Amino acid sequence: MRPLKIFLPLGLVLVLLCPQSGWSQTSQKEAEQTAALLATLLNAGRVIVERNQSLINDPQKADKGFTPGVFEQLVLDEFARQTHVDLKASPSSVPISTTELLTLLLSASKEVVSDAQFVINQRGIGYKNFIPATFGSQAARKFSTRSKVTIKQTALEPRNLQNAPDEYEEMVLKRLASQPSSTTPIIEWLGGEQLLRAVVPIYYSEDCLVCHGNPKGILDMSGYPREGAQAGKLAGAISIQIPSDHR
């Protein structure tokens, strides 16, 4: 399936559901920018995995050349294309703390690709179950265990129960499912504005329907029953939590 490309310009006006207090206005803006950039970087990895899906699933070829280093360069190029931020050049437009988190997520993402090398390079096997959703879940978990910032892929009906929404995510996902499609993140400050929660919606594209479309209930190539989804409908979201003491 093809993951939705999330374009989040740095000047994007995010949706704020609570008045600002607690953190300074500058700190809040930095946290919002951080959430947007982390979501974009994770999704850039998903995009690169999807673009190389045919190569990954080629049963005739052993060494695919889809190494962690190759993956990193492709992700950095995609991230720069979407955000105009070049992480290779220590961008002055991004706070140092944000750059450090982005570097940590990139490192976790490379580790996922490194861990999957044996599977990716297996000859004689087509579908490897190394798909954008699998990559995204594993990269998000690796990052979250090493940081006070939490990233998670979630959906109302997740195939992976580890991606099941918490109470807050379920509330936001239900609201998003009842509204017209929009790539604008939902941003809210909770706990006396000590916790930033960001939910970035992802919608089904036509390519997603190969596994998630009709006929509903028929098993797809991964062995999961298809959901009967339609293009343009809510597929899930990237959920991010940033506490005030994350630095």
Protein backbone atom coordinates (compact mmCIF):
# COMPACT_ATOMS: atom_id res chain seq x y z
CA MET A 1 0.00 0.00 0.00
CA ARG A 2 1.08 3.58 -0.59
CA PRO A 3 1.15 5.71 2.58
CA LEU A 4 -0.18 9.24 2.35
CA LYS A 5 2.58 11.79 1.95
CA ILE A 6 2.21 14.34 4.71
CA PHE A 7 3.41 17.78 3.67
CA LEU A 8 3.93 19.98 6.72
CA PRO A 9 5.54 23.34 5.92
CA LEU A 10 7.34 24.92 8.84
CA GLY A 11 4.98 27.88 8.74
CA LEU A 12 1.90 25.69 9.03
CA VAL A 13 -0.71 27.09 11.37
CA LEU A 14 -1.62 24.21 13.67
CA VAL A 15 -4.98 23.69 15.30
CA LEU A 16 -4.84 24.73 18.96
CA LEU A 17 -7.69 23.58 21.13
CA CYS A 18 -6.59 25.21 24.41
CA PRO A 19 -5.38 28.71 25.33
CA GLN A 20 -1.62 29.08 25.74
CA SER A 21 -0.11 29.18 29.19
CA GLY A 22 2.36 27.07 31.16
CA TRP A 23 5.11 26.75 28.59
CA SER A 24 6.34 29.99 27.04
CA GLN A 25 4.85 30.81 23.67
CA THR A 26 8.25 30.18 22.05
CA SER A 27 8.55 26.76 23.71
CA GLN A 28 5.06 25.83 22.60
CA LYS A 29 5.78 26.78 19.02
CA GLU A 30 9.00 24.77 19.10
CA ALA A 31 7.15 21.74 20.47
CA GLU A 32 4.50 22.04 17.75
CA GLN A 33 7.20 22.30 15.09
CA THR A 34 8.95 19.27 16.60
CA ALA A 35 5.78 17.18 16.47
CA ALA A 36 5.14 18.14 12.85
CA LEU A 37 8.71 17.37 11.78
CA LEU A 38 8.82 14.03 13.63
CA ALA A 39 5.59 12.94 11.94
CA THR A 40 6.97 13.98 8.56
CA LEU A 41 10.24 12.11 9.11
CA LEU A 42 8.49 8.91 10.16
CA ASN A 43 6.21 9.15 7.17
CA ALA A 44 9.18 9.82 4.87
CA GLY A 45 10.53 6.44 5.94
CA ARG A 46 7.18 4.87 5.15
CA VAL A 47 7.23 6.47 1.71
CA ILE A 48 10.72 5.13 0.94
CA VAL A 49 9.78 1.60 2.01
CA GLU A 50 6.70 1.78 -0.22
CA ARG A 51 8.69 3.02 -3.20
CA ASN A 52 11.02 0.05 -2.84
CA GLN A 53 8.31 -2.53 -2.14
CA SER A 54 8.69 -4.30 -5.48
CA LEU A 55 12.43 -4.58 -4.92
CA ILE A 56 12.01 -5.82 -1.35
CA ASN A 57 9.50 -8.47 -2.46
CA ASP A 58 11.49 -9.64 -5.52
CA PRO A 59 11.93 -13.41 -4.99
CA GLN A 60 14.53 -13.68 -7.76
CA LYS A 61 17.04 -11.27 -6.30
CA ALA A 62 19.15 -11.86 -3.20
CA ASP A 63 21.16 -8.75 -2.38
CA LYS A 64 18.66 -5.95 -2.93
CA GLY A 65 21.07 -3.12 -2.18
CA PHE A 66 18.43 -1.59 0.11
CA THR A 67 20.93 -1.01 2.89
CA PRO A 68 20.52 1.24 5.95
CA GLY A 69 22.85 3.76 4.30
CA VAL A 70 20.86 3.84 1.06
CA PHE A 71 17.64 4.09 3.02
CA GLU A 72 19.01 6.99 5.09
CA GLN A 73 19.98 9.02 2.04
CA LEU A 74 16.60 8.47 0.39
CA VAL A 75 14.76 9.44 3.58
CA LEU A 76 16.82 12.60 4.05
CA ASP A 77 16.12 13.62 0.46
CA GLU A 78 12.38 12.97 0.85
CA PHE A 79 12.27 14.82 4.18
CA ALA A 80 14.07 17.82 2.67
CA ARG A 81 11.69 17.82 -0.29
CA GLN A 82 8.65 17.93 1.98
CA THR A 83 9.92 20.36 4.62
CA HIS A 84 12.80 22.27 2.97
CA VAL A 85 14.90 21.26 6.00
CA ASP A 86 18.24 19.64 5.21
CA LEU A 87 19.19 17.54 8.23
CA LYS A 88 22.61 16.89 6.71
CA ALA A 89 23.48 20.57 7.06
CA SER A 90 22.54 21.20 10.74
CA PRO A 91 19.70 23.58 9.81
CA SER A 92 19.61 26.85 11.74
CA SER A 93 15.84 27.07 11.27
CA VAL A 94 15.33 24.07 13.58
CA PRO A 95 16.09 24.18 17.33
CA ILE A 96 18.98 21.99 18.47
CA SER A 97 16.67 19.92 20.70
CA THR A 98 14.41 19.23 17.71
CA THR A 99 17.36 18.28 15.52
CA GLU A 100 18.51 15.84 18.20
CA LEU A 101 15.09 14.16 18.27
CA LEU A 102 14.98 13.96 14.48
CA THR A 103 18.45 12.41 14.47
CA LEU A 104 17.32 9.87 17.07
CA LEU A 105 14.28 8.91 14.98
CA LEU A 106 16.42 8.59 11.86
CA SER A 107 18.82 6.32 13.75
CA ALA A 108 15.94 4.15 14.99
CA SER A 109 14.57 3.97 11.45
CA LYS A 110 17.93 2.85 10.07
CA GLU A 111 18.12 0.15 12.76
CA VAL A 112 14.77 -1.23 11.63
CA VAL A 113 16.07 -1.51 8.06
CA SER A 114 19.31 -3.05 9.35
CA ASP A 115 17.43 -5.62 11.44
CA ALA A 116 15.37 -6.57 8.38
CA GLN A 117 18.32 -7.15 6.03
CA PHE A 118 18.17 -10.94 6.31
CA VAL A 119 14.47 -10.97 5.42
CA ILE A 120 14.77 -8.33 2.70
CA ASN A 121 17.59 -10.20 0.95
CA GLN A 122 16.04 -13.67 1.08
CA ARG A 123 15.77 -15.26 -2.34
CA GLY A 124 12.81 -17.46 -3.21
CA ILE A 125 10.36 -15.57 -1.00
CA GLY A 126 8.07 -12.87 -2.36
CA TYR A 127 6.04 -11.06 0.27
CA LYS A 128 8.36 -10.28 3.20
CA ASN A 129 5.92 -8.44 5.51
CA PHE A 130 8.35 -5.51 5.48
CA ILE A 131 5.82 -2.88 4.51
CA PRO A 132 5.35 0.81 5.43
CA ALA A 133 3.09 0.06 8.37
CA THR A 134 5.46 -2.56 9.80
CA PHE A 135 8.45 -0.28 9.37
CA GLY A 136 6.62 2.65 10.95
CA SER A 137 5.50 0.71 14.01
CA GLN A 138 8.96 -0.70 14.67
CA ALA A 139 10.75 2.63 14.16
CA ALA A 140 8.27 4.46 16.39
CA ARG A 141 8.70 1.94 19.20
CA LYS A 142 12.50 2.01 19.03
CA PHE A 143 12.48 5.81 19.16
CA SER A 144 9.95 5.99 21.99
CA THR A 145 11.97 3.67 24.24
CA ARG A 146 14.97 6.00 23.94
CA SER A 147 13.22 9.33 24.38
CA LYS A 148 10.68 11.05 26.57
CA VAL A 149 8.82 11.85 23.37
CA THR A 150 6.39 9.14 22.26
CA ILE A 151 5.52 8.37 18.63
CA LYS A 152 2.91 5.83 17.66
CA GLN A 153 0.96 4.69 14.63
CA THR A 154 -2.65 4.11 15.54
CA ALA A 155 -6.05 3.37 14.03
CA LEU A 156 -9.59 2.68 15.18
CA GLU A 157 -9.31 -0.92 13.95
CA PRO A 158 -5.57 -1.67 13.98
CA ARG A 159 -4.24 -4.93 12.62
CA ASN A 160 -1.43 -4.75 15.16
CA LEU A 161 -2.94 -4.55 18.64
CA GLN A 162 0.15 -2.68 19.85
CA ASN A 163 -1.17 0.21 17.75
CA ALA A 164 -4.58 0.24 19.45
CA PRO A 165 -5.61 3.81 20.30
CA ASP A 166 -5.72 5.08 23.85
CA GLU A 167 -8.81 6.95 25.04
CA TYR A 168 -7.61 10.30 23.71
CA GLU A 169 -6.52 8.91 20.33
CA GLU A 170 -9.81 7.07 19.92
CA MET A 171 -11.76 10.28 20.56
CA VAL A 172 -9.72 12.23 17.98
CA LEU A 173 -9.81 9.43 15.40
CA LYS A 174 -13.60 9.19 15.64
CA ARG A 175 -13.87 12.92 15.16
CA LEU A 176 -11.54 12.82 12.16
CA ALA A 177 -13.47 9.92 10.63
CA SER A 178 -16.66 11.99 10.67
CA GLN A 179 -15.07 15.05 9.02
CA PRO A 180 -13.83 15.82 5.49
CA SER A 181 -10.24 14.74 4.82
CA SER A 182 -7.60 17.16 6.08
CA THR A 183 -3.85 16.78 6.60
CA THR A 184 -3.80 19.48 9.27
CA PRO A 185 -2.59 18.01 12.57
CA ILE A 186 -4.80 18.13 15.62
CA ILE A 187 -2.84 19.75 18.45
CA GLU A 188 -3.93 19.94 22.08
CA TRP A 189 -2.24 20.89 25.35
CA LEU A 190 -3.21 18.69 28.29
CA GLY A 191 -2.39 18.35 31.99
CA GLY A 192 -2.19 22.05 32.72
CA GLU A 193 -0.45 22.45 29.37
CA GLN A 194 2.41 20.22 30.47
CA LEU A 195 1.78 17.68 27.67
CA LEU A 196 1.50 18.29 23.95
CA ARG A 197 -0.54 15.75 22.04
CA ALA A 198 -0.48 15.80 18.25
CA VAL A 199 -2.49 13.56 15.95
CA VAL A 200 -1.62 13.62 12.23
CA PRO A 201 -4.30 11.88 10.14
CA ILE A 202 -3.47 9.42 7.36
CA TYR A 203 -5.98 8.53 4.65
CA TYR A 204 -6.28 5.53 2.35
CA SER A 205 -4.98 5.96 -1.19
CA GLU A 206 -5.94 3.75 -4.14
CA ASP A 207 -2.80 1.65 -3.65
CA CYS A 208 -3.77 0.96 -0.03
CA LEU A 209 -6.89 -0.84 -1.23
CA VAL A 210 -4.85 -3.76 -2.57
CA CYS A 211 -4.65 -4.92 1.04
CA HIS A 212 -7.37 -2.90 2.78
CA GLY A 213 -10.14 -2.62 0.17
CA ASN A 214 -12.85 -4.91 -1.13
CA PRO A 215 -14.05 -7.57 -1.08
CA LYS A 216 -14.29 -7.07 2.66
CA GLY A 217 -13.26 -10.10 4.71
CA ILE A 218 -11.17 -11.72 1.97
CA LEU A 219 -7.60 -12.38 3.11
CA ASP A 220 -4.94 -10.15 1.59
CA MET A 221 -1.35 -11.16 0.78
CA SER A 222 -0.33 -10.79 4.42
CA GLY A 223 -3.11 -13.06 5.66
CA TYR A 224 -5.28 -10.34 7.21
CA PRO A 225 -8.94 -9.91 6.24
CA ARG A 226 -9.51 -6.84 4.11
CA GLU A 227 -11.41 -4.01 5.77
CA GLY A 228 -13.45 -2.93 2.75
CA ALA A 229 -11.86 0.53 2.93
CA GLN A 230 -12.35 3.27 0.36
CA ALA A 231 -9.80 5.74 -0.99
CA GLY A 232 -9.91 9.03 0.87
CA LYS A 233 -11.29 7.54 4.07
CA LEU A 234 -9.40 7.73 7.34
CA ALA A 235 -6.81 4.96 7.67
CA GLY A 236 -5.31 6.00 10.98
CA ALA A 237 -2.86 8.53 12.31
CA ILE A 238 0.60 9.23 13.63
CA SER A 239 0.22 10.15 17.29
CA ILE A 240 2.89 12.12 19.16
CA GLN A 241 3.21 13.05 22.83
CA ILE A 242 5.77 15.65 24.01
CA PRO A 243 5.96 16.31 27.78
CA SER A 244 7.34 19.56 29.13
CA ASP A 245 10.38 17.76 30.57
CA HIS A 246 11.33 16.02 27.32
CA ARG A 247 14.72 17.75 27.01
